[in-house]
Amino acid sequence: MGKQAQYEELVGVANVYLGCEQSNKGLFADSSVSLKNAFQIFEKSKDTFNKVSAKNGLAII
């Protein structure tokens, strides 16, 4: 995996954690945006495990 791909993966994971924390604080619109951004990153990289994690966060909100 190249440096750019690793960076994008890290940004995706950060967005999942950010989205979950925003959801916990009641910031549901912001949470939705963060989790959708994460899902798009994981969809592009074909990362099924993290894609499911982002979808799970969306299901919770």
PDB file of N, CA and C in Angstrom:
ATOM      1  N   MET A   1       0.850  -1.173   0.000  1.00  0.00           N
ATOM      2  CA  MET A   1       0.000   0.000   0.000  1.00  0.00           C
ATOM      3  C   MET A   1       0.897   1.238   0.000  1.00  0.00           C
ATOM      4  N   GLY A   2       0.632   2.165  -0.912  1.00  0.00           N
ATOM      5  CA  GLY A   2       1.437   3.373  -1.012  1.00  0.00           C
ATOM      6  C   GLY A   2       1.125   4.372   0.092  1.00  0.00           C
ATOM      7  N   LYS A   3       1.971   5.385   0.178  1.00  0.00           N
ATOM      8  CA  LYS A   3       1.808   6.412   1.214  1.00  0.00           C
ATOM      9  C   LYS A   3       0.463   7.122   1.090  1.00  0.00           C
ATOM     10  N   GLN A   4       0.046   7.455  -0.144  1.00  0.00           N
ATOM     11  CA  GLN A   4      -1.222   8.145  -0.349  1.00  0.00           C
ATOM     12  C   GLN A   4      -2.393   7.268   0.094  1.00  0.00           C
ATOM     13  N   ALA A   5      -2.342   5.997  -0.219  1.00  0.00           N
ATOM     14  CA  ALA A   5      -3.412   5.074   0.174  1.00  0.00           C
ATOM     15  C   ALA A   5      -3.468   4.940   1.698  1.00  0.00           C
ATOM     16  N   GLN A   6      -2.303   4.887   2.339  1.00  0.00           N
ATOM     17  CA  GLN A   6      -2.264   4.801   3.797  1.00  0.00           C
ATOM     18  C   GLN A   6      -2.843   6.066   4.423  1.00  0.00           C
ATOM     19  N   TYR A   7      -2.521   7.215   3.826  1.00  0.00           N
ATOM     20  CA  TYR A   7      -3.044   8.487   4.317  1.00  0.00           C
ATOM     21  C   TYR A   7      -4.564   8.519   4.202  1.00  0.00           C
ATOM     22  N   GLU A   8      -5.086   8.108   3.059  1.00  0.00           N
ATOM     23  CA  GLU A   8      -6.531   8.106   2.853  1.00  0.00           C
ATOM     24  C   GLU A   8      -7.214   7.151   3.830  1.00  0.00           C
ATOM     25  N   GLU A   9      -6.616   6.009   4.063  1.00  0.00           N
ATOM     26  CA  GLU A   9      -7.165   5.040   5.014  1.00  0.00           C
ATOM     27  C   GLU A   9      -7.223   5.647   6.412  1.00  0.00           C
ATOM     28  N   LEU A  10      -6.170   6.344   6.796  1.00  0.00           N
ATOM     29  CA  LEU A  10      -6.113   6.992   8.100  1.00  0.00           C
ATOM     30  C   LEU A  10      -7.177   8.082   8.215  1.00  0.00           C
ATOM     31  N   VAL A  11      -7.368   8.854   7.165  1.00  0.00           N
ATOM     32  CA  VAL A  11      -8.404   9.893   7.157  1.00  0.00           C
ATOM     33  C   VAL A  11      -9.782   9.246   7.289  1.00  0.00           C
ATOM     34  N   GLY A  12      -9.992   8.129   6.622  1.00  0.00           N
ATOM     35  CA  GLY A  12     -11.262   7.422   6.730  1.00  0.00           C
ATOM     36  C   GLY A  12     -11.534   6.953   8.142  1.00  0.00           C
ATOM     37  N   VAL A  13     -10.547   6.354   8.776  1.00  0.00           N
ATOM     38  CA  VAL A  13     -10.703   5.872  10.157  1.00  0.00           C
ATOM     39  C   VAL A  13     -10.964   7.051  11.092  1.00  0.00           C
ATOM     40  N   ALA A  14     -10.246   8.151  10.884  1.00  0.00           N
ATOM     41  CA  ALA A  14     -10.456   9.346  11.708  1.00  0.00           C
ATOM     42  C   ALA A  14     -11.886   9.861  11.550  1.00  0.00           C
ATOM     43  N   ASN A  15     -12.403   9.811  10.335  1.00  0.00           N
ATOM     44  CA  ASN A  15     -13.777  10.256  10.101  1.00  0.00           C
ATOM     45  C   ASN A  15     -14.790   9.349  10.796  1.00  0.00           C
ATOM     46  N   VAL A  16     -14.522   8.061  10.850  1.00  0.00           N
ATOM     47  CA  VAL A  16     -15.421   7.146  11.561  1.00  0.00           C
ATOM     48  C   VAL A  16     -15.449   7.509  13.044  1.00  0.00           C
ATOM     49  N   TYR A  17     -14.277   7.676  13.647  1.00  0.00           N
ATOM     50  CA  TYR A  17     -14.227   8.020  15.067  1.00  0.00           C
ATOM     51  C   TYR A  17     -14.859   9.380  15.326  1.00  0.00           C
ATOM     52  N   LEU A  18     -14.594  10.339  14.453  1.00  0.00           N
ATOM     53  CA  LEU A  18     -15.177  11.671  14.594  1.00  0.00           C
ATOM     54  C   LEU A  18     -16.699  11.597  14.485  1.00  0.00           C
ATOM     55  N   GLY A  19     -17.185  10.868  13.496  1.00  0.00           N
ATOM     56  CA  GLY A  19     -18.629  10.736  13.310  1.00  0.00           C
ATOM     57  C   GLY A  19     -19.305  10.087  14.506  1.00  0.00           C
ATOM     58  N   CYS A  20     -18.688   9.076  15.067  1.00  0.00           N
ATOM     59  CA  CYS A  20     -19.267   8.413  16.245  1.00  0.00           C
ATOM     60  C   CYS A  20     -19.286   9.360  17.445  1.00  0.00           C
ATOM     61  N   GLU A  21     -18.234  10.117  17.615  1.00  0.00           N
ATOM     62  CA  GLU A  21     -18.188  11.068  18.730  1.00  0.00           C
ATOM     63  C   GLU A  21     -19.210  12.192  18.537  1.00  0.00           C
ATOM     64  N   GLN A  22     -19.354  12.669  17.301  1.00  0.00           N
ATOM     65  CA  GLN A  22     -20.357  13.699  17.022  1.00  0.00           C
ATOM     66  C   GLN A  22     -21.758  13.154  17.314  1.00  0.00           C
ATOM     67  N   SER A  23     -21.991  11.919  16.970  1.00  0.00           N
ATOM     68  CA  SER A  23     -23.278  11.291  17.250  1.00  0.00           C
ATOM     69  C   SER A  23     -23.531  11.224  18.750  1.00  0.00           C
ATOM     70  N   ASN A  24     -22.516  10.861  19.512  1.00  0.00           N
ATOM     71  CA  ASN A  24     -22.645  10.799  20.972  1.00  0.00           C
ATOM     72  C   ASN A  24     -22.987  12.154  21.578  1.00  0.00           C
ATOM     73  N   LYS A  25     -22.505  13.219  20.932  1.00  0.00           N
ATOM     74  CA  LYS A  25     -22.763  14.580  21.421  1.00  0.00           C
ATOM     75  C   LYS A  25     -24.074  15.149  20.886  1.00  0.00           C
ATOM     76  N   GLY A  26     -24.764  14.398  20.050  1.00  0.00           N
ATOM     77  CA  GLY A  26     -26.037  14.861  19.515  1.00  0.00           C
ATOM     78  C   GLY A  26     -25.925  15.684  18.245  1.00  0.00           C
ATOM     79  N   LEU A  27     -24.743  15.730  17.643  1.00  0.00           N
ATOM     80  CA  LEU A  27     -24.519  16.482  16.403  1.00  0.00           C
ATOM     81  C   LEU A  27     -24.734  15.546  15.214  1.00  0.00           C
ATOM     82  N   PHE A  28     -25.997  15.195  15.000  1.00  0.00           N
ATOM     83  CA  PHE A  28     -26.320  14.129  14.062  1.00  0.00           C
ATOM     84  C   PHE A  28     -26.044  14.497  12.602  1.00  0.00           C
ATOM     85  N   ALA A  29     -26.277  15.739  12.207  1.00  0.00           N
ATOM     86  CA  ALA A  29     -26.007  16.148  10.823  1.00  0.00           C
ATOM     87  C   ALA A  29     -24.512  16.097  10.535  1.00  0.00           C
ATOM     88  N   ASP A  30     -23.711  16.608  11.457  1.00  0.00           N
ATOM     89  CA  ASP A  30     -22.255  16.567  11.294  1.00  0.00           C
ATOM     90  C   ASP A  30     -21.753  15.129  11.298  1.00  0.00           C
ATOM     91  N   SER A  31     -22.332  14.319  12.157  1.00  0.00           N
ATOM     92  CA  SER A  31     -21.961  12.913  12.240  1.00  0.00           C
ATOM     93  C   SER A  31     -22.225  12.203  10.919  1.00  0.00           C
ATOM     94  N   SER A  32     -23.365  12.475  10.344  1.00  0.00           N
ATOM     95  CA  SER A  32     -23.730  11.858   9.069  1.00  0.00           C
ATOM     96  C   SER A  32     -22.729  12.210   7.978  1.00  0.00           C
ATOM     97  N   VAL A  33     -22.316  13.461   7.927  1.00  0.00           N
ATOM     98  CA  VAL A  33     -21.349  13.904   6.916  1.00  0.00           C
ATOM     99  C   VAL A  33     -20.014  13.191   7.112  1.00  0.00           C
ATOM    100  N   SER A  34     -19.532  13.129   8.345  1.00  0.00           N
ATOM    101  CA  SER A  34     -18.244  12.477   8.624  1.00  0.00           C
ATOM    102  C   SER A  34     -18.283  10.999   8.257  1.00  0.00           C
ATOM    103  N   LEU A  35     -19.354  10.326   8.636  1.00  0.00           N
ATOM    104  CA  LEU A  35     -19.454   8.896   8.365  1.00  0.00           C
ATOM    105  C   LEU A  35     -19.633   8.612   6.870  1.00  0.00           C
ATOM    106  N   LYS A  36     -20.351   9.466   6.157  1.00  0.00           N
ATOM    107  CA  LYS A  36     -20.495   9.289   4.709  1.00  0.00           C
ATOM    108  C   LYS A  36     -19.163   9.511   4.000  1.00  0.00           C
ATOM    109  N   ASN A  37     -18.392  10.497   4.474  1.00  0.00           N
ATOM    110  CA  ASN A  37     -17.055  10.719   3.903  1.00  0.00           C
ATOM    111  C   ASN A  37     -16.174   9.494   4.123  1.00  0.00           C
ATOM    112  N   ALA A  38     -16.232   8.936   5.317  1.00  0.00           N
ATOM    113  CA  ALA A  38     -15.456   7.733   5.619  1.00  0.00           C
ATOM    114  C   ALA A  38     -15.875   6.588   4.710  1.00  0.00           C
ATOM    115  N   PHE A  39     -17.175   6.400   4.550  1.00  0.00           N
ATOM    116  CA  PHE A  39     -17.675   5.319   3.700  1.00  0.00           C
ATOM    117  C   PHE A  39     -17.162   5.465   2.272  1.00  0.00           C
ATOM    118  N   GLN A  40     -17.164   6.680   1.744  1.00  0.00           N
ATOM    119  CA  GLN A  40     -16.676   6.912   0.379  1.00  0.00           C
ATOM    120  C   GLN A  40     -15.196   6.570   0.247  1.00  0.00           C
ATOM    121  N   ILE A  41     -14.417   6.916   1.248  1.00  0.00           N
ATOM    122  CA  ILE A  41     -12.983   6.595   1.225  1.00  0.00           C
ATOM    123  C   ILE A  41     -12.793   5.082   1.213  1.00  0.00           C
ATOM    124  N   PHE A  42     -13.519   4.373   2.063  1.00  0.00           N
ATOM    125  CA  PHE A  42     -13.372   2.922   2.142  1.00  0.00           C
ATOM    126  C   PHE A  42     -13.927   2.226   0.905  1.00  0.00           C
ATOM    127  N   GLU A  43     -14.961   2.804   0.316  1.00  0.00           N
ATOM    128  CA  GLU A  43     -15.517   2.242  -0.910  1.00  0.00           C
ATOM    129  C   GLU A  43     -14.480   2.325  -2.033  1.00  0.00           C
ATOM    130  N   LYS A  44     -13.793   3.466  -2.101  1.00  0.00           N
ATOM    131  CA  LYS A  44     -12.770   3.669  -3.129  1.00  0.00           C
ATOM    132  C   LYS A  44     -11.607   2.692  -2.959  1.00  0.00           C
ATOM    133  N   SER A  45     -11.238   2.431  -1.709  1.00  0.00           N
ATOM    134  CA  SER A  45     -10.100   1.538  -1.450  1.00  0.00           C
ATOM    135  C   SER A  45     -10.513   0.072  -1.314  1.00  0.00           C
ATOM    136  N   LYS A  46     -11.815  -0.199  -1.467  1.00  0.00           N
ATOM    137  CA  LYS A  46     -12.346  -1.564  -1.375  1.00  0.00           C
ATOM    138  C   LYS A  46     -12.045  -2.215  -0.019  1.00  0.00           C
ATOM    139  N   ASP A  47     -12.148  -1.407   1.041  1.00  0.00           N
ATOM    140  CA  ASP A  47     -11.902  -1.873   2.411  1.00  0.00           C
ATOM    141  C   ASP A  47     -13.248  -2.233   3.052  1.00  0.00           C
ATOM    142  N   THR A  48     -13.622  -3.483   2.945  1.00  0.00           N
ATOM    143  CA  THR A  48     -14.934  -3.934   3.398  1.00  0.00           C
ATOM    144  C   THR A  48     -15.107  -3.795   4.906  1.00  0.00           C
ATOM    145  N   PHE A  49     -14.107  -4.157   5.675  1.00  0.00           N
ATOM    146  CA  PHE A  49     -14.212  -4.118   7.135  1.00  0.00           C
ATOM    147  C   PHE A  49     -14.542  -2.706   7.618  1.00  0.00           C
ATOM    148  N   ASN A  50     -13.781  -1.725   7.176  1.00  0.00           N
ATOM    149  CA  ASN A  50     -14.010  -0.351   7.618  1.00  0.00           C
ATOM    150  C   ASN A  50     -15.261   0.256   6.993  1.00  0.00           C
ATOM    151  N   LYS A  51     -15.618  -0.219   5.803  1.00  0.00           N
ATOM    152  CA  LYS A  51     -16.852   0.240   5.168  1.00  0.00           C
ATOM    153  C   LYS A  51     -18.051  -0.157   6.028  1.00  0.00           C
ATOM    154  N   VAL A  52     -18.029  -1.380   6.548  1.00  0.00           N
ATOM    155  CA  VAL A  52     -19.099  -1.853   7.431  1.00  0.00           C
ATOM    156  C   VAL A  52     -19.113  -1.039   8.723  1.00  0.00           C
ATOM    157  N   SER A  53     -17.953  -0.679   9.215  1.00  0.00           N
ATOM    158  CA  SER A  53     -17.867   0.135  10.426  1.00  0.00           C
ATOM    159  C   SER A  53     -18.526   1.496  10.214  1.00  0.00           C
ATOM    160  N   ALA A  54     -18.274   2.116   9.073  1.00  0.00           N
ATOM    161  CA  ALA A  54     -18.886   3.410   8.765  1.00  0.00           C
ATOM    162  C   ALA A  54     -20.402   3.264   8.623  1.00  0.00           C
ATOM    163  N   LYS A  55     -20.852   2.216   7.965  1.00  0.00           N
ATOM    164  CA  LYS A  55     -22.295   1.972   7.798  1.00  0.00           C
ATOM    165  C   LYS A  55     -22.958   1.710   9.154  1.00  0.00           C
ATOM    166  N   ASN A  56     -22.267   1.013  10.038  1.00  0.00           N
ATOM    167  CA  ASN A  56     -22.799   0.771  11.374  1.00  0.00           C
ATOM    168  C   ASN A  56     -23.003   2.090  12.118  1.00  0.00           C
ATOM    169  N   GLY A  57     -22.038   2.986  11.997  1.00  0.00           N
ATOM    170  CA  GLY A  57     -22.179   4.311  12.627  1.00  0.00           C
ATOM    171  C   GLY A  57     -23.365   5.064  12.069  1.00  0.00           C
ATOM    172  N   LEU A  58     -23.577   4.959  10.755  1.00  0.00           N
ATOM    173  CA  LEU A  58     -24.729   5.620  10.147  1.00  0.00           C
ATOM    174  C   LEU A  58     -26.029   4.997  10.626  1.00  0.00           C
ATOM    175  N   ALA A  59     -26.035   3.701  10.812  1.00  0.00           N
ATOM    176  CA  ALA A  59     -27.250   3.026  11.281  1.00  0.00           C
ATOM    177  C   ALA A  59     -27.612   3.449  12.698  1.00  0.00           C
ATOM    178  N   ILE A  60     -26.614   3.734  13.499  1.00  0.00           N
ATOM    179  CA  ILE A  60     -26.856   4.129  14.882  1.00  0.00           C
ATOM    180  C   ILE A  60     -27.524   5.498  14.955  1.00  0.00           C
ATOM    181  N   ILE A  61     -27.100   6.409  14.059  1.00  0.00           N
ATOM    182  CA  ILE A  61     -27.707   7.742  14.109  1.00  0.00           C
ATOM    183  C   ILE A  61     -29.027   7.717  13.397  1.00  0.00           C
TER     184      ILE A  61
END
